[in-house]
Amino acid sequence: MPNVESENKNNVPSSRKKDKRKSLAVTTEKDVSTLPQETLSPITPALESGEPGLENVNKNPYIDVINKRVKKLTKLMQKIDKYETIQNSSGPGEAQLNADQIKVLERKGETSGAIKEFDETLKQIEGVEKEELKKQAELKKAQQADRDQAIADAVKEVKVWIYFLLLYAVYTVFRKK
């Protein structure tokens, strides 16, 4: 593909190559057999998949949202503590808080209550997540046991057919004599 010249805001020409080649992911039967049979839910940690280095890939999105909210409220609580310190330490003639800062300071109870509520909710979600992981592990064990039993049954049936065919072969050999 030819180089494409373009000018940026500083009127300096820049060149970049456009590559139209696309990588095609081709899956063979060999590749399919190595794929995991179960699907991972959003709450299943990536470590369960056996892949190293995928620590936060399947992290629970609900926990992420709550953690972000707690972080935001914690920062607000730090501001409130700072404003409270300024208000308590300031005397006449020193810097006073403005109206917005006083409004934020008045919401200290609401903010601390919200942080506590989110922490409790986070603990509940983590408990539910642990239960879900236990259920998935039990289900995986049951599925593996079913697969193992099906394989054992198939092997047993094949052995019966082989035995039957062997007896038939012996019968036909002796019948001809």
C-alpha atoms as a PDB file:
ATOM      1  CA  MET A   1       0.000   0.000   0.000  1.00  0.00           C
ATOM      2  CA  PRO A   2       1.399   3.443  -0.790  1.00  0.00           C
ATOM      3  CA  ASN A   3       2.322   5.899   1.907  1.00  0.00           C
ATOM      4  CA  VAL A   4      -0.363   8.438   2.666  1.00  0.00           C
ATOM      5  CA  GLU A   5       0.761  11.978   3.261  1.00  0.00           C
ATOM      6  CA  SER A   6      -1.257  14.233   5.512  1.00  0.00           C
ATOM      7  CA  GLU A   7      -0.639  17.540   7.210  1.00  0.00           C
ATOM      8  CA  ASN A   8      -1.213  18.068  10.886  1.00  0.00           C
ATOM      9  CA  LYS A   9      -2.087  21.359  12.610  1.00  0.00           C
ATOM     10  CA  ASN A  10       1.518  22.587  12.498  1.00  0.00           C
ATOM     11  CA  ASN A  11       1.608  22.146   8.688  1.00  0.00           C
ATOM     12  CA  VAL A  12       4.246  19.460   9.048  1.00  0.00           C
ATOM     13  CA  PRO A  13       3.670  16.532   6.731  1.00  0.00           C
ATOM     14  CA  SER A  14       3.422  13.196   8.421  1.00  0.00           C
ATOM     15  CA  SER A  15       3.452   9.858   6.742  1.00  0.00           C
ATOM     16  CA  ARG A  16       1.687   6.736   7.825  1.00  0.00           C
ATOM     17  CA  LYS A  17       1.203   3.436   6.143  1.00  0.00           C
ATOM     18  CA  LYS A  18      -2.204   1.979   5.722  1.00  0.00           C
ATOM     19  CA  ASP A  19      -2.204  -1.748   6.014  1.00  0.00           C
ATOM     20  CA  LYS A  20      -5.281  -3.462   4.654  1.00  0.00           C
ATOM     21  CA  ARG A  21      -4.173  -6.904   5.721  1.00  0.00           C
ATOM     22  CA  LYS A  22      -6.479  -8.290   8.313  1.00  0.00           C
ATOM     23  CA  SER A  23      -5.587 -11.108  10.599  1.00  0.00           C
ATOM     24  CA  LEU A  24      -7.994 -13.968  10.288  1.00  0.00           C
ATOM     25  CA  ALA A  25      -8.492 -16.174  13.297  1.00  0.00           C
ATOM     26  CA  VAL A  26      -8.937 -19.692  12.036  1.00  0.00           C
ATOM     27  CA  THR A  27     -10.020 -22.274  14.561  1.00  0.00           C
ATOM     28  CA  THR A  28      -9.175 -25.878  13.846  1.00  0.00           C
ATOM     29  CA  GLU A  29     -10.634 -28.956  15.486  1.00  0.00           C
ATOM     30  CA  LYS A  30      -7.450 -29.248  17.516  1.00  0.00           C
ATOM     31  CA  ASP A  31      -7.896 -25.695  18.815  1.00  0.00           C
ATOM     32  CA  VAL A  32     -11.567 -26.274  19.670  1.00  0.00           C
ATOM     33  CA  SER A  33     -10.738 -29.235  21.881  1.00  0.00           C
ATOM     34  CA  THR A  34      -8.543 -27.034  24.072  1.00  0.00           C
ATOM     35  CA  LEU A  35     -11.211 -24.392  24.593  1.00  0.00           C
ATOM     36  CA  PRO A  36     -12.912 -24.326  28.008  1.00  0.00           C
ATOM     37  CA  GLN A  37     -16.302 -26.021  27.972  1.00  0.00           C
ATOM     38  CA  GLU A  38     -17.990 -23.768  30.523  1.00  0.00           C
ATOM     39  CA  THR A  39     -18.668 -20.091  30.098  1.00  0.00           C
ATOM     40  CA  LEU A  40     -17.395 -17.663  32.678  1.00  0.00           C
ATOM     41  CA  SER A  41     -19.854 -15.333  34.300  1.00  0.00           C
ATOM     42  CA  PRO A  42     -18.908 -11.717  35.042  1.00  0.00           C
ATOM     43  CA  ILE A  43     -18.338 -12.649  38.662  1.00  0.00           C
ATOM     44  CA  THR A  44     -16.019 -15.547  37.964  1.00  0.00           C
ATOM     45  CA  PRO A  45     -12.467 -14.458  38.568  1.00  0.00           C
ATOM     46  CA  ALA A  46     -10.075 -14.910  35.693  1.00  0.00           C
ATOM     47  CA  LEU A  47      -7.838 -16.992  37.890  1.00  0.00           C
ATOM     48  CA  GLU A  48     -10.469 -19.757  37.744  1.00  0.00           C
ATOM     49  CA  SER A  49      -9.920 -19.988  33.995  1.00  0.00           C
ATOM     50  CA  GLY A  50      -6.351 -21.123  34.573  1.00  0.00           C
ATOM     51  CA  GLU A  51      -4.902 -18.263  32.578  1.00  0.00           C
ATOM     52  CA  PRO A  52      -1.988 -16.552  34.356  1.00  0.00           C
ATOM     53  CA  GLY A  53      -1.847 -12.792  34.179  1.00  0.00           C
ATOM     54  CA  LEU A  54      -5.587 -12.277  33.652  1.00  0.00           C
ATOM     55  CA  GLU A  55      -6.228 -11.198  37.209  1.00  0.00           C
ATOM     56  CA  ASN A  56      -8.792  -8.440  36.622  1.00  0.00           C
ATOM     57  CA  VAL A  57     -10.317  -9.468  33.310  1.00  0.00           C
ATOM     58  CA  ASN A  58     -13.534 -10.968  34.675  1.00  0.00           C
ATOM     59  CA  LYS A  59     -13.879  -8.711  37.667  1.00  0.00           C
ATOM     60  CA  ASN A  60     -17.428  -8.126  38.861  1.00  0.00           C
ATOM     61  CA  PRO A  61     -18.694  -4.894  37.240  1.00  0.00           C
ATOM     62  CA  TYR A  62     -21.102  -4.235  40.110  1.00  0.00           C
ATOM     63  CA  ILE A  63     -18.265  -4.272  42.621  1.00  0.00           C
ATOM     64  CA  ASP A  64     -16.303  -1.898  40.391  1.00  0.00           C
ATOM     65  CA  VAL A  65     -19.192   0.592  40.332  1.00  0.00           C
ATOM     66  CA  ILE A  66     -19.579   0.476  44.103  1.00  0.00           C
ATOM     67  CA  ASN A  67     -15.823   0.816  44.669  1.00  0.00           C
ATOM     68  CA  LYS A  68     -15.730   3.903  42.436  1.00  0.00           C
ATOM     69  CA  ARG A  69     -18.611   5.449  44.348  1.00  0.00           C
ATOM     70  CA  VAL A  70     -16.972   4.683  47.713  1.00  0.00           C
ATOM     71  CA  LYS A  71     -13.715   6.222  46.478  1.00  0.00           C
ATOM     72  CA  LYS A  72     -15.542   9.387  45.400  1.00  0.00           C
ATOM     73  CA  LEU A  73     -17.380   9.632  48.712  1.00  0.00           C
ATOM     74  CA  THR A  74     -14.160   9.000  50.661  1.00  0.00           C
ATOM     75  CA  LYS A  75     -12.497  11.906  48.862  1.00  0.00           C
ATOM     76  CA  LEU A  76     -15.504  14.058  49.709  1.00  0.00           C
ATOM     77  CA  MET A  77     -15.251  12.956  53.341  1.00  0.00           C
ATOM     78  CA  GLN A  78     -11.582  13.984  53.379  1.00  0.00           C
ATOM     79  CA  LYS A  79     -12.605  17.434  52.104  1.00  0.00           C
ATOM     80  CA  ILE A  80     -15.265  17.630  54.789  1.00  0.00           C
ATOM     81  CA  ASP A  81     -12.707  16.760  57.473  1.00  0.00           C
ATOM     82  CA  LYS A  82     -10.381  19.442  56.088  1.00  0.00           C
ATOM     83  CA  TYR A  83     -13.186  22.028  56.130  1.00  0.00           C
ATOM     84  CA  GLU A  84     -14.099  21.005  59.664  1.00  0.00           C
ATOM     85  CA  THR A  85     -10.500  21.473  60.780  1.00  0.00           C
ATOM     86  CA  ILE A  86     -10.384  24.905  59.150  1.00  0.00           C
ATOM     87  CA  GLN A  87     -13.673  25.893  60.766  1.00  0.00           C
ATOM     88  CA  ASN A  88     -12.607  24.715  64.234  1.00  0.00           C
ATOM     89  CA  SER A  89      -9.119  26.254  64.103  1.00  0.00           C
ATOM     90  CA  SER A  90     -10.005  29.580  62.557  1.00  0.00           C
ATOM     91  CA  GLY A  91     -10.501  32.514  64.837  1.00  0.00           C
ATOM     92  CA  PRO A  92     -11.858  35.978  64.120  1.00  0.00           C
ATOM     93  CA  GLY A  93      -9.979  37.660  61.302  1.00  0.00           C
ATOM     94  CA  GLU A  94      -8.677  34.395  59.829  1.00  0.00           C
ATOM     95  CA  ALA A  95      -9.867  32.721  56.641  1.00  0.00           C
ATOM     96  CA  GLN A  96     -13.460  31.522  56.934  1.00  0.00           C
ATOM     97  CA  LEU A  97     -15.322  28.939  54.869  1.00  0.00           C
ATOM     98  CA  ASN A  98     -17.460  30.132  51.989  1.00  0.00           C
ATOM     99  CA  ALA A  99     -21.123  29.189  51.580  1.00  0.00           C
ATOM    100  CA  ASP A 100     -20.446  26.166  49.320  1.00  0.00           C
ATOM    101  CA  GLN A 101     -17.907  24.769  51.758  1.00  0.00           C
ATOM    102  CA  ILE A 102     -20.370  25.180  54.637  1.00  0.00           C
ATOM    103  CA  LYS A 103     -23.052  23.322  52.629  1.00  0.00           C
ATOM    104  CA  VAL A 104     -20.603  20.461  52.006  1.00  0.00           C
ATOM    105  CA  LEU A 105     -19.709  20.450  55.713  1.00  0.00           C
ATOM    106  CA  GLU A 106     -23.387  20.212  56.675  1.00  0.00           C
ATOM    107  CA  ARG A 107     -23.712  17.024  54.573  1.00  0.00           C
ATOM    108  CA  LYS A 108     -21.094  15.167  56.633  1.00  0.00           C
ATOM    109  CA  GLY A 109     -23.673  12.817  58.166  1.00  0.00           C
ATOM    110  CA  GLU A 110     -25.183  11.961  54.804  1.00  0.00           C
ATOM    111  CA  THR A 111     -21.777  11.279  53.310  1.00  0.00           C
ATOM    112  CA  SER A 112     -20.584   9.044  56.132  1.00  0.00           C
ATOM    113  CA  GLY A 113     -23.926   7.175  56.074  1.00  0.00           C
ATOM    114  CA  ALA A 114     -23.624   6.615  52.324  1.00  0.00           C
ATOM    115  CA  ILE A 115     -20.085   5.268  52.737  1.00  0.00           C
ATOM    116  CA  LYS A 116     -21.247   2.838  55.419  1.00  0.00           C
ATOM    117  CA  GLU A 117     -24.214   1.748  53.297  1.00  0.00           C
ATOM    118  CA  PHE A 118     -22.013   1.117  50.247  1.00  0.00           C
ATOM    119  CA  ASP A 119     -19.525  -0.841  52.359  1.00  0.00           C
ATOM    120  CA  GLU A 120     -22.340  -3.067  53.650  1.00  0.00           C
ATOM    121  CA  THR A 121     -23.697  -3.543  50.133  1.00  0.00           C
ATOM    122  CA  LEU A 122     -20.214  -4.412  48.901  1.00  0.00           C
ATOM    123  CA  LYS A 123     -19.875  -7.071  51.604  1.00  0.00           C
ATOM    124  CA  GLN A 124     -23.259  -8.535  50.637  1.00  0.00           C
ATOM    125  CA  ILE A 125     -22.347  -8.666  46.939  1.00  0.00           C
ATOM    126  CA  GLU A 126     -19.012 -10.322  47.751  1.00  0.00           C
ATOM    127  CA  GLY A 127     -20.876 -12.926  49.842  1.00  0.00           C
ATOM    128  CA  VAL A 128     -23.264 -13.635  46.989  1.00  0.00           C
ATOM    129  CA  GLU A 129     -20.295 -13.840  44.631  1.00  0.00           C
ATOM    130  CA  LYS A 130     -18.562 -16.421  46.846  1.00  0.00           C
ATOM    131  CA  GLU A 131     -21.754 -18.503  46.943  1.00  0.00           C
ATOM    132  CA  GLU A 132     -22.014 -18.284  43.158  1.00  0.00           C
ATOM    133  CA  LEU A 133     -18.402 -19.419  42.785  1.00  0.00           C
ATOM    134  CA  LYS A 134     -19.080 -22.393  45.081  1.00  0.00           C
ATOM    135  CA  LYS A 135     -22.154 -23.332  43.028  1.00  0.00           C
ATOM    136  CA  GLN A 136     -20.154 -23.079  39.808  1.00  0.00           C
ATOM    137  CA  ALA A 137     -17.392 -25.270  41.259  1.00  0.00           C
ATOM    138  CA  GLU A 138     -19.968 -27.878  42.344  1.00  0.00           C
ATOM    139  CA  LEU A 139     -21.620 -27.753  38.926  1.00  0.00           C
ATOM    140  CA  LYS A 140     -18.247 -28.158  37.243  1.00  0.00           C
ATOM    141  CA  LYS A 141     -17.472 -31.192  39.421  1.00  0.00           C
ATOM    142  CA  ALA A 142     -20.877 -32.712  38.635  1.00  0.00           C
ATOM    143  CA  GLN A 143     -20.385 -32.154  34.912  1.00  0.00           C
ATOM    144  CA  GLN A 144     -16.938 -33.743  35.074  1.00  0.00           C
ATOM    145  CA  ALA A 145     -18.346 -36.711  36.977  1.00  0.00           C
ATOM    146  CA  ASP A 146     -21.073 -37.094  34.320  1.00  0.00           C
ATOM    147  CA  ARG A 147     -18.469 -36.967  31.560  1.00  0.00           C
ATOM    148  CA  ASP A 148     -16.303 -39.532  33.332  1.00  0.00           C
ATOM    149  CA  GLN A 149     -19.303 -41.830  33.827  1.00  0.00           C
ATOM    150  CA  ALA A 150     -20.315 -41.492  30.179  1.00  0.00           C
ATOM    151  CA  ILE A 151     -16.781 -42.372  29.096  1.00  0.00           C
ATOM    152  CA  ALA A 152     -16.708 -45.366  31.446  1.00  0.00           C
ATOM    153  CA  ASP A 153     -20.082 -46.564  30.108  1.00  0.00           C
ATOM    154  CA  ALA A 154     -18.902 -46.193  26.509  1.00  0.00           C
ATOM    155  CA  VAL A 155     -15.691 -48.100  27.235  1.00  0.00           C
ATOM    156  CA  LYS A 156     -17.703 -50.851  28.904  1.00  0.00           C
ATOM    157  CA  GLU A 157     -20.039 -51.098  25.900  1.00  0.00           C
ATOM    158  CA  VAL A 158     -17.114 -51.210  23.483  1.00  0.00           C
ATOM    159  CA  LYS A 159     -15.535 -53.995  25.530  1.00  0.00           C
ATOM    160  CA  VAL A 160     -18.785 -55.998  25.335  1.00  0.00           C
ATOM    161  CA  TRP A 161     -18.886 -55.578  21.546  1.00  0.00           C
ATOM    162  CA  ILE A 162     -15.237 -56.527  21.206  1.00  0.00           C
ATOM    163  CA  TYR A 163     -15.851 -59.621  23.337  1.00  0.00           C
ATOM    164  CA  PHE A 164     -18.878 -60.510  21.232  1.00  0.00           C
ATOM    165  CA  LEU A 165     -16.958 -60.065  17.975  1.00  0.00           C
ATOM    166  CA  LEU A 166     -14.064 -62.099  19.321  1.00  0.00           C
ATOM    167  CA  LEU A 167     -16.422 -64.941  20.267  1.00  0.00           C
ATOM    168  CA  TYR A 168     -18.083 -64.748  16.869  1.00  0.00           C
ATOM    169  CA  ALA A 169     -14.687 -64.906  15.144  1.00  0.00           C
ATOM    170  CA  VAL A 170     -13.709 -67.958  17.190  1.00  0.00           C
ATOM    171  CA  TYR A 171     -17.093 -69.562  16.446  1.00  0.00           C
ATOM    172  CA  THR A 172     -16.735 -69.028  12.704  1.00  0.00           C
ATOM    173  CA  VAL A 173     -13.174 -70.399  12.703  1.00  0.00           C
ATOM    174  CA  PHE A 174     -14.204 -73.618  14.511  1.00  0.00           C
ATOM    175  CA  ARG A 175     -17.393 -73.996  12.472  1.00  0.00           C
ATOM    176  CA  LYS A 176     -15.400 -74.177   9.232  1.00  0.00           C
ATOM    177  CA  LYS A 177     -13.294 -77.080  10.515  1.00  0.00           C
END
